């Protein structure tokens, strides 16, 4: 089985729960203490609230999409890759795989996200792996290594 997403407790607490709790706490403090929203520093406070909520919800949506992508069941059998997702169950071998593709995106200042896709003869893309790292070159090297591994596994010629 490939790519079961691990839920990192430190990430959940540090990047999701704490920022959202800080945003809620600042909002409650302003409301309960009758702080004037049109005061001299209110713009900075509101920007801080937006920053905390934005950070928390950004990392929450990122964690959720990564978990959903990696929760699709992928199994390696003898010269076969089996993929089970919301669209059905597929079995791929050298006769029905067109190619493997990858994408790399910079998702924030220090993080690059890489995704590996299997492309079938109907040009449908099935995500096989998704991961991230701080260095773009590491993500590229890992993706290229996995492409060679999967091509060798199913018996496709390396290009």
N, C-alpha and C. Protein backbone atom coordinates (compact mmCIF):
# COMPACT_ATOMS: atom_id res chain seq x y z
N UNK A 1 0.84 -1.17 0.00
CA UNK A 1 0.00 0.00 0.00
C UNK A 1 0.90 1.24 0.00
N UNK A 2 0.49 2.26 -0.73
CA UNK A 2 1.30 3.46 -0.88
C UNK A 2 0.59 4.66 -0.28
N UNK A 3 1.35 5.51 0.41
CA UNK A 3 0.92 6.85 0.71
C UNK A 3 -0.20 7.05 1.70
N UNK A 4 -0.24 6.29 2.77
CA UNK A 4 -1.21 6.61 3.81
C UNK A 4 -0.73 7.86 4.53
N UNK A 5 -1.55 8.88 4.56
CA UNK A 5 -1.18 10.16 5.14
C UNK A 5 -1.11 10.06 6.66
N UNK A 6 0.01 10.55 7.22
CA UNK A 6 0.15 10.58 8.66
C UNK A 6 -0.30 11.95 9.16
N UNK A 7 -1.09 11.97 10.21
CA UNK A 7 -1.53 13.22 10.80
C UNK A 7 -0.53 13.61 11.87
N UNK A 8 0.16 14.71 11.66
CA UNK A 8 1.19 15.19 12.56
C UNK A 8 0.54 16.11 13.59
N UNK A 9 0.57 15.70 14.85
CA UNK A 9 -0.08 16.45 15.92
C UNK A 9 0.54 17.84 16.10
N UNK A 10 1.86 17.95 15.97
CA UNK A 10 2.51 19.26 16.12
C UNK A 10 2.04 20.23 15.04
N UNK A 11 1.87 19.75 13.82
CA UNK A 11 1.38 20.59 12.74
C UNK A 11 -0.05 21.02 13.00
N UNK A 12 -0.88 20.10 13.43
CA UNK A 12 -2.28 20.43 13.71
C UNK A 12 -2.38 21.49 14.81
N UNK A 13 -1.61 21.30 15.87
CA UNK A 13 -1.67 22.26 16.98
C UNK A 13 -1.03 23.59 16.59
N UNK A 14 0.19 23.53 16.05
CA UNK A 14 0.94 24.76 15.79
C UNK A 14 0.47 25.58 14.62
N UNK A 15 -0.03 24.94 13.58
CA UNK A 15 -0.38 25.68 12.37
C UNK A 15 -1.88 25.80 12.13
N UNK A 16 -2.68 25.07 12.88
CA UNK A 16 -4.13 25.14 12.67
C UNK A 16 -4.84 25.62 13.93
N UNK A 17 -4.71 24.88 15.02
CA UNK A 17 -5.47 25.18 16.24
C UNK A 17 -5.03 26.50 16.89
N UNK A 18 -3.70 26.67 17.09
CA UNK A 18 -3.24 27.89 17.76
C UNK A 18 -3.57 29.17 17.00
N UNK A 19 -3.33 29.25 15.68
CA UNK A 19 -3.71 30.49 14.99
C UNK A 19 -5.21 30.79 15.03
N UNK A 20 -6.03 29.76 14.85
CA UNK A 20 -7.48 29.99 14.90
C UNK A 20 -7.90 30.39 16.32
N UNK A 21 -7.33 29.73 17.33
CA UNK A 21 -7.64 30.10 18.72
C UNK A 21 -7.18 31.52 19.02
N UNK A 22 -6.02 31.91 18.50
CA UNK A 22 -5.54 33.29 18.71
C UNK A 22 -6.48 34.29 18.05
N UNK A 23 -6.93 34.00 16.85
CA UNK A 23 -7.87 34.89 16.17
C UNK A 23 -9.17 35.02 16.94
N UNK A 24 -9.68 33.90 17.43
CA UNK A 24 -10.92 33.93 18.22
C UNK A 24 -10.69 34.69 19.53
N UNK A 25 -9.54 34.44 20.16
CA UNK A 25 -9.23 35.12 21.42
C UNK A 25 -9.14 36.63 21.26
N UNK A 26 -8.49 37.08 20.21
CA UNK A 26 -8.38 38.52 19.97
C UNK A 26 -9.75 39.12 19.69
N UNK A 27 -10.56 38.42 18.89
CA UNK A 27 -11.93 38.91 18.62
C UNK A 27 -12.74 39.03 19.91
N UNK A 28 -12.69 37.98 20.74
CA UNK A 28 -13.43 38.01 22.00
C UNK A 28 -12.94 39.12 22.92
N UNK A 29 -11.62 39.30 22.98
CA UNK A 29 -11.06 40.36 23.81
C UNK A 29 -11.56 41.73 23.35
N UNK A 30 -11.59 41.94 22.05
CA UNK A 30 -12.06 43.23 21.53
C UNK A 30 -13.54 43.43 21.82
N UNK A 31 -14.33 42.38 21.67
CA UNK A 31 -15.78 42.50 21.89
C UNK A 31 -16.10 42.65 23.37
N UNK A 32 -15.49 41.82 24.23
CA UNK A 32 -15.80 41.85 25.66
C UNK A 32 -15.29 43.11 26.35
N UNK A 33 -14.21 43.69 25.85
CA UNK A 33 -13.65 44.90 26.45
C UNK A 33 -14.13 46.17 25.76
N UNK A 34 -15.09 46.03 24.87
CA UNK A 34 -15.65 47.18 24.14
C UNK A 34 -14.57 48.05 23.50
N UNK A 35 -13.59 47.40 22.89
CA UNK A 35 -12.53 48.14 22.21
C UNK A 35 -13.08 48.72 20.92
N UNK A 36 -12.77 49.98 20.71
CA UNK A 36 -13.28 50.70 19.54
C UNK A 36 -12.61 50.17 18.27
N UNK A 37 -13.41 49.71 17.31
CA UNK A 37 -12.88 49.18 16.06
C UNK A 37 -12.36 50.28 15.14
N UNK A 38 -12.65 51.54 15.47
CA UNK A 38 -12.18 52.63 14.61
C UNK A 38 -11.03 53.39 15.26
N UNK A 39 -10.42 52.82 16.28
CA UNK A 39 -9.32 53.47 16.98
C UNK A 39 -8.04 53.47 16.17
N UNK A 40 -6.99 54.01 16.78
CA UNK A 40 -5.71 54.19 16.09
C UNK A 40 -5.07 52.87 15.69
N UNK A 41 -5.12 51.88 16.55
CA UNK A 41 -4.46 50.60 16.26
C UNK A 41 -5.42 49.52 15.79
N UNK A 42 -6.66 49.87 15.53
CA UNK A 42 -7.63 48.85 15.16
C UNK A 42 -7.29 48.20 13.82
N UNK A 43 -6.70 48.93 12.91
CA UNK A 43 -6.32 48.35 11.61
C UNK A 43 -5.30 47.25 11.78
N UNK A 44 -4.33 47.46 12.66
CA UNK A 44 -3.32 46.44 12.92
C UNK A 44 -3.94 45.22 13.61
N UNK A 45 -4.84 45.48 14.53
CA UNK A 45 -5.49 44.38 15.24
C UNK A 45 -6.34 43.55 14.28
N UNK A 46 -7.10 44.21 13.44
CA UNK A 46 -7.93 43.50 12.46
C UNK A 46 -7.06 42.73 11.48
N UNK A 47 -5.93 43.34 11.06
CA UNK A 47 -5.00 42.63 10.17
C UNK A 47 -4.45 41.39 10.86
N UNK A 48 -4.16 41.50 12.16
CA UNK A 48 -3.68 40.35 12.93
C UNK A 48 -4.72 39.25 13.01
N UNK A 49 -5.97 39.64 13.23
CA UNK A 49 -7.05 38.65 13.28
C UNK A 49 -7.18 37.93 11.94
N UNK A 50 -7.16 38.70 10.86
CA UNK A 50 -7.25 38.10 9.52
C UNK A 50 -6.06 37.18 9.26
N UNK A 51 -4.86 37.61 9.68
CA UNK A 51 -3.66 36.78 9.51
C UNK A 51 -3.80 35.45 10.24
N UNK A 52 -4.23 35.50 11.51
CA UNK A 52 -4.36 34.26 12.29
C UNK A 52 -5.41 33.33 11.69
N UNK A 53 -6.57 33.87 11.36
CA UNK A 53 -7.61 33.03 10.75
C UNK A 53 -7.14 32.50 9.39
N UNK A 54 -6.52 33.35 8.59
CA UNK A 54 -6.04 32.93 7.27
C UNK A 54 -5.01 31.83 7.36
N UNK A 55 -4.06 31.97 8.28
CA UNK A 55 -3.03 30.94 8.47
C UNK A 55 -3.66 29.62 8.89
N UNK A 56 -4.53 29.67 9.87
CA UNK A 56 -5.16 28.45 10.37
C UNK A 56 -5.98 27.74 9.31
N UNK A 57 -6.80 28.50 8.59
CA UNK A 57 -7.65 27.88 7.58
C UNK A 57 -6.87 27.44 6.34
N UNK A 58 -5.78 28.16 6.00
CA UNK A 58 -4.93 27.74 4.88
C UNK A 58 -4.31 26.37 5.17
N UNK A 59 -3.71 26.22 6.34
CA UNK A 59 -3.08 24.95 6.67
C UNK A 59 -4.10 23.84 6.89
N UNK A 60 -5.29 24.19 7.38
CA UNK A 60 -6.34 23.19 7.51
C UNK A 60 -6.77 22.68 6.14
N UNK A 61 -6.99 23.58 5.19
CA UNK A 61 -7.41 23.14 3.85
C UNK A 61 -6.30 22.35 3.16
N UNK A 62 -5.05 22.76 3.38
CA UNK A 62 -3.92 22.03 2.80
C UNK A 62 -3.81 20.63 3.38
N UNK A 63 -3.95 20.51 4.69
CA UNK A 63 -3.90 19.21 5.35
C UNK A 63 -5.03 18.32 4.87
N UNK A 64 -6.23 18.89 4.75
CA UNK A 64 -7.39 18.12 4.31
C UNK A 64 -7.23 17.63 2.87
N UNK A 65 -6.74 18.48 1.97
CA UNK A 65 -6.59 18.06 0.57
C UNK A 65 -5.47 17.03 0.43
N UNK A 66 -4.40 17.19 1.21
CA UNK A 66 -3.32 16.21 1.16
C UNK A 66 -3.78 14.87 1.70
N UNK A 67 -4.55 14.91 2.77
CA UNK A 67 -5.07 13.67 3.35
C UNK A 67 -6.01 12.98 2.38
N UNK A 68 -6.88 13.74 1.73
CA UNK A 68 -7.83 13.17 0.79
C UNK A 68 -7.10 12.54 -0.40
N UNK A 69 -6.09 13.22 -0.91
CA UNK A 69 -5.34 12.69 -2.06
C UNK A 69 -4.60 11.42 -1.70
N UNK A 70 -4.03 11.37 -0.50
CA UNK A 70 -3.24 10.21 -0.12
C UNK A 70 -4.08 9.10 0.51
N UNK A 71 -5.36 9.36 0.78
CA UNK A 71 -6.22 8.31 1.32
C UNK A 71 -6.73 7.37 0.23
N UNK A 72 -6.64 7.78 -1.03
CA UNK A 72 -7.01 6.86 -2.10
C UNK A 72 -6.09 5.65 -2.02
N UNK A 73 -6.67 4.48 -2.09
CA UNK A 73 -5.92 3.25 -1.92
C UNK A 73 -5.11 2.95 -3.18
N UNK A 74 -3.80 2.80 -3.00
CA UNK A 74 -2.91 2.40 -4.08
C UNK A 74 -2.15 1.16 -3.63
N UNK A 75 -2.17 0.12 -4.45
CA UNK A 75 -1.53 -1.14 -4.10
C UNK A 75 -0.63 -1.58 -5.24
N UNK A 76 0.57 -2.06 -4.89
CA UNK A 76 1.48 -2.61 -5.88
C UNK A 76 1.40 -4.13 -5.83
N UNK A 77 1.01 -4.73 -6.94
CA UNK A 77 1.05 -6.17 -7.10
C UNK A 77 2.12 -6.48 -8.14
N UNK A 78 2.24 -7.73 -8.51
CA UNK A 78 3.26 -8.13 -9.48
C UNK A 78 3.02 -7.44 -10.82
N UNK A 79 3.89 -6.49 -11.17
CA UNK A 79 3.85 -5.73 -12.43
C UNK A 79 2.52 -5.00 -12.64
N UNK A 80 1.83 -4.66 -11.54
CA UNK A 80 0.53 -4.00 -11.61
C UNK A 80 0.44 -2.93 -10.51
N UNK A 81 -0.22 -1.83 -10.83
CA UNK A 81 -0.56 -0.80 -9.84
C UNK A 81 -2.08 -0.73 -9.78
N UNK A 82 -2.63 -0.94 -8.58
CA UNK A 82 -4.08 -0.86 -8.40
C UNK A 82 -4.40 0.45 -7.68
N UNK A 83 -5.38 1.18 -8.22
CA UNK A 83 -5.80 2.45 -7.65
C UNK A 83 -7.29 2.38 -7.38
N UNK A 84 -7.67 2.70 -6.15
CA UNK A 84 -9.09 2.76 -5.80
C UNK A 84 -9.36 4.16 -5.27
N UNK A 85 -10.25 4.88 -5.98
CA UNK A 85 -10.60 6.23 -5.57
C UNK A 85 -12.10 6.45 -5.73
N UNK A 86 -12.53 7.70 -5.64
CA UNK A 86 -13.97 7.98 -5.71
C UNK A 86 -14.57 7.68 -7.07
N UNK A 87 -13.73 7.51 -8.11
CA UNK A 87 -14.23 7.24 -9.45
C UNK A 87 -14.30 5.75 -9.76
N UNK A 88 -13.76 4.92 -8.89
CA UNK A 88 -13.81 3.48 -9.12
C UNK A 88 -12.51 2.81 -8.76
N UNK A 89 -12.40 1.56 -9.19
CA UNK A 89 -11.20 0.77 -8.94
C UNK A 89 -10.54 0.47 -10.27
N UNK A 90 -9.25 0.76 -10.38
CA UNK A 90 -8.53 0.62 -11.64
C UNK A 90 -7.30 -0.25 -11.42
N UNK A 91 -6.99 -1.07 -12.40
CA UNK A 91 -5.77 -1.87 -12.40
C UNK A 91 -4.95 -1.47 -13.61
N UNK A 92 -3.71 -1.06 -13.36
CA UNK A 92 -2.84 -0.57 -14.43
C UNK A 92 -1.61 -1.46 -14.56
N UNK A 93 -1.28 -1.74 -15.81
CA UNK A 93 -0.04 -2.46 -16.12
C UNK A 93 0.57 -1.80 -17.35
N UNK A 94 1.56 -2.45 -17.93
CA UNK A 94 2.26 -1.84 -19.07
C UNK A 94 1.37 -1.66 -20.30
N UNK A 95 0.23 -2.34 -20.36
CA UNK A 95 -0.62 -2.24 -21.54
C UNK A 95 -1.59 -1.06 -21.49
N UNK A 96 -1.89 -0.54 -20.31
CA UNK A 96 -2.87 0.55 -20.25
C UNK A 96 -2.35 1.82 -19.56
N UNK A 97 -1.04 1.91 -19.38
CA UNK A 97 -0.44 3.13 -18.84
C UNK A 97 0.18 3.90 -20.00
N UNK A 98 -0.25 5.12 -20.16
CA UNK A 98 0.31 6.00 -21.20
C UNK A 98 1.63 6.59 -20.73
N UNK A 99 1.64 7.13 -19.51
CA UNK A 99 2.82 7.82 -19.02
C UNK A 99 2.66 8.11 -17.53
N UNK A 100 3.73 8.60 -16.92
CA UNK A 100 3.69 9.14 -15.58
C UNK A 100 4.04 10.62 -15.69
N UNK A 101 3.31 11.47 -14.99
CA UNK A 101 3.57 12.91 -15.00
C UNK A 101 3.72 13.38 -13.56
N UNK A 102 4.39 14.52 -13.43
CA UNK A 102 4.48 15.11 -12.10
C UNK A 102 4.31 16.61 -12.19
N UNK A 103 3.97 17.20 -11.05
CA UNK A 103 3.88 18.65 -10.95
C UNK A 103 4.53 19.08 -9.65
N UNK A 104 5.14 20.26 -9.69
CA UNK A 104 5.76 20.85 -8.50
C UNK A 104 5.24 22.27 -8.38
N UNK A 105 4.71 22.60 -7.22
CA UNK A 105 4.20 23.95 -6.96
C UNK A 105 4.83 24.49 -5.69
N UNK A 106 5.14 25.78 -5.72
CA UNK A 106 5.58 26.44 -4.50
C UNK A 106 4.33 26.92 -3.78
N UNK A 107 4.07 26.34 -2.61
CA UNK A 107 2.81 26.66 -1.92
C UNK A 107 2.98 27.73 -0.86
N UNK A 108 4.18 27.94 -0.39
CA UNK A 108 4.48 29.10 0.44
C UNK A 108 5.96 29.39 0.31
N UNK A 109 6.45 30.32 1.11
CA UNK A 109 7.82 30.79 0.95
C UNK A 109 8.86 29.69 1.08
N UNK A 110 8.58 28.69 1.91
CA UNK A 110 9.58 27.66 2.21
C UNK A 110 9.16 26.25 1.83
N UNK A 111 8.04 26.07 1.15
CA UNK A 111 7.53 24.72 0.91
C UNK A 111 7.15 24.52 -0.54
N UNK A 112 7.63 23.42 -1.09
CA UNK A 112 7.27 23.00 -2.44
C UNK A 112 6.48 21.71 -2.34
N UNK A 113 5.40 21.62 -3.10
CA UNK A 113 4.54 20.44 -3.10
C UNK A 113 4.70 19.72 -4.43
N UNK A 114 4.94 18.41 -4.36
CA UNK A 114 5.07 17.60 -5.56
C UNK A 114 3.97 16.56 -5.63
N UNK A 115 3.46 16.33 -6.82
CA UNK A 115 2.43 15.31 -7.05
C UNK A 115 2.84 14.44 -8.22
N UNK A 116 2.62 13.15 -8.09
CA UNK A 116 2.93 12.19 -9.15
C UNK A 116 1.64 11.58 -9.65
N UNK A 117 1.45 11.60 -10.96
CA UNK A 117 0.22 11.11 -11.58
C UNK A 117 0.53 9.99 -12.56
N UNK A 118 -0.37 9.03 -12.60
CA UNK A 118 -0.35 7.99 -13.62
C UNK A 118 -1.36 8.41 -14.68
N UNK A 119 -0.96 8.43 -15.94
CA UNK A 119 -1.85 8.81 -17.04
C UNK A 119 -2.20 7.55 -17.81
N UNK A 120 -3.51 7.27 -17.91
CA UNK A 120 -3.94 6.07 -18.64
C UNK A 120 -4.17 6.41 -20.11
N UNK A 121 -4.56 5.41 -20.90
CA UNK A 121 -4.74 5.61 -22.35
C UNK A 121 -5.92 6.51 -22.68
N UNK A 122 -6.79 6.76 -21.72
CA UNK A 122 -7.91 7.68 -21.93
C UNK A 122 -7.56 9.09 -21.46
N UNK A 123 -6.28 9.33 -21.19
CA UNK A 123 -5.73 10.61 -20.74
C UNK A 123 -6.27 11.06 -19.38
N UNK A 124 -6.75 10.12 -18.58
CA UNK A 124 -7.15 10.44 -17.21
C UNK A 124 -5.92 10.39 -16.32
N UNK A 125 -5.83 11.35 -15.41
CA UNK A 125 -4.69 11.42 -14.48
C UNK A 125 -5.14 10.89 -13.12
N UNK A 126 -4.42 9.89 -12.62
CA UNK A 126 -4.69 9.31 -11.31
C UNK A 126 -3.52 9.66 -10.40
N UNK A 127 -3.80 10.37 -9.31
CA UNK A 127 -2.71 10.74 -8.41
C UNK A 127 -2.22 9.51 -7.66
N UNK A 128 -0.91 9.32 -7.72
CA UNK A 128 -0.28 8.19 -7.05
C UNK A 128 0.35 8.65 -5.73
N UNK A 129 1.07 9.76 -5.77
CA UNK A 129 1.75 10.28 -4.58
C UNK A 129 1.62 11.79 -4.51
N UNK A 130 1.67 12.31 -3.31
CA UNK A 130 1.74 13.74 -3.07
C UNK A 130 2.55 13.98 -1.82
N UNK A 131 3.56 14.84 -1.91
CA UNK A 131 4.39 15.14 -0.74
C UNK A 131 5.00 16.52 -0.91
N UNK A 132 5.63 17.01 0.16
CA UNK A 132 6.26 18.32 0.08
C UNK A 132 7.60 18.32 0.79
N UNK A 133 8.38 19.36 0.49
CA UNK A 133 9.70 19.53 1.08
C UNK A 133 10.05 21.00 1.01
N UNK A 134 11.12 21.37 1.69
CA UNK A 134 11.55 22.77 1.69
C UNK A 134 12.40 23.11 0.47
N UNK A 135 12.93 22.11 -0.22
CA UNK A 135 13.81 22.35 -1.36
C UNK A 135 13.18 21.79 -2.62
N UNK A 136 13.05 22.64 -3.63
CA UNK A 136 12.42 22.22 -4.88
C UNK A 136 13.19 21.09 -5.54
N UNK A 137 14.52 21.15 -5.49
CA UNK A 137 15.32 20.12 -6.14
C UNK A 137 15.10 18.75 -5.50
N UNK A 138 14.92 18.71 -4.18
CA UNK A 138 14.65 17.43 -3.51
C UNK A 138 13.33 16.84 -3.97
N UNK A 139 12.31 17.70 -4.11
CA UNK A 139 11.01 17.24 -4.58
C UNK A 139 11.14 16.70 -6.00
N UNK A 140 11.83 17.43 -6.87
CA UNK A 140 12.03 16.97 -8.26
C UNK A 140 12.78 15.65 -8.31
N UNK A 141 13.85 15.54 -7.53
CA UNK A 141 14.63 14.29 -7.52
C UNK A 141 13.78 13.12 -7.04
N UNK A 142 12.99 13.33 -5.98
CA UNK A 142 12.14 12.25 -5.47
C UNK A 142 11.09 11.84 -6.50
N UNK A 143 10.47 12.82 -7.15
CA UNK A 143 9.45 12.51 -8.16
C UNK A 143 10.05 11.72 -9.32
N UNK A 144 11.23 12.13 -9.79
CA UNK A 144 11.88 11.41 -10.89
C UNK A 144 12.25 9.99 -10.47
N UNK A 145 12.70 9.83 -9.22
CA UNK A 145 13.04 8.50 -8.74
C UNK A 145 11.79 7.62 -8.71
N UNK A 146 10.68 8.15 -8.21
CA UNK A 146 9.44 7.36 -8.15
C UNK A 146 8.93 7.02 -9.54
N UNK A 147 9.07 7.92 -10.49
CA UNK A 147 8.65 7.62 -11.87
C UNK A 147 9.45 6.44 -12.40
N UNK A 148 10.77 6.46 -12.21
CA UNK A 148 11.60 5.34 -12.67
C UNK A 148 11.20 4.05 -11.95
N UNK A 149 10.94 4.15 -10.65
CA UNK A 149 10.55 2.97 -9.88
C UNK A 149 9.26 2.36 -10.42
N UNK A 150 8.23 3.20 -10.61
CA UNK A 150 6.94 2.69 -11.09
C UNK A 150 7.04 2.17 -12.52
N UNK A 151 7.82 2.83 -13.37
CA UNK A 151 7.98 2.34 -14.74
C UNK A 151 8.66 0.98 -14.75
N UNK A 152 9.67 0.83 -13.92
CA UNK A 152 10.35 -0.47 -13.82
C UNK A 152 9.41 -1.51 -13.23
N UNK A 153 8.63 -1.12 -12.24
CA UNK A 153 7.71 -2.06 -11.58
C UNK A 153 6.70 -2.65 -12.56
N UNK A 154 6.13 -1.82 -13.43
CA UNK A 154 5.11 -2.33 -14.35
C UNK A 154 5.70 -2.82 -15.67
N UNK A 155 7.00 -2.63 -15.85
CA UNK A 155 7.65 -3.15 -17.06
C UNK A 155 7.61 -2.21 -18.25
N UNK A 156 7.49 -0.91 -18.01
CA UNK A 156 7.55 0.06 -19.11
C UNK A 156 9.01 0.43 -19.36
N UNK A 157 9.37 0.70 -20.62
CA UNK A 157 10.74 1.10 -20.90
C UNK A 157 11.02 2.50 -20.35
N UNK A 158 12.20 2.68 -19.77
CA UNK A 158 12.58 3.99 -19.25
C UNK A 158 12.93 4.90 -20.42
N UNK A 159 12.46 6.15 -20.31
CA UNK A 159 12.74 7.08 -21.41
C UNK A 159 13.91 7.96 -21.12
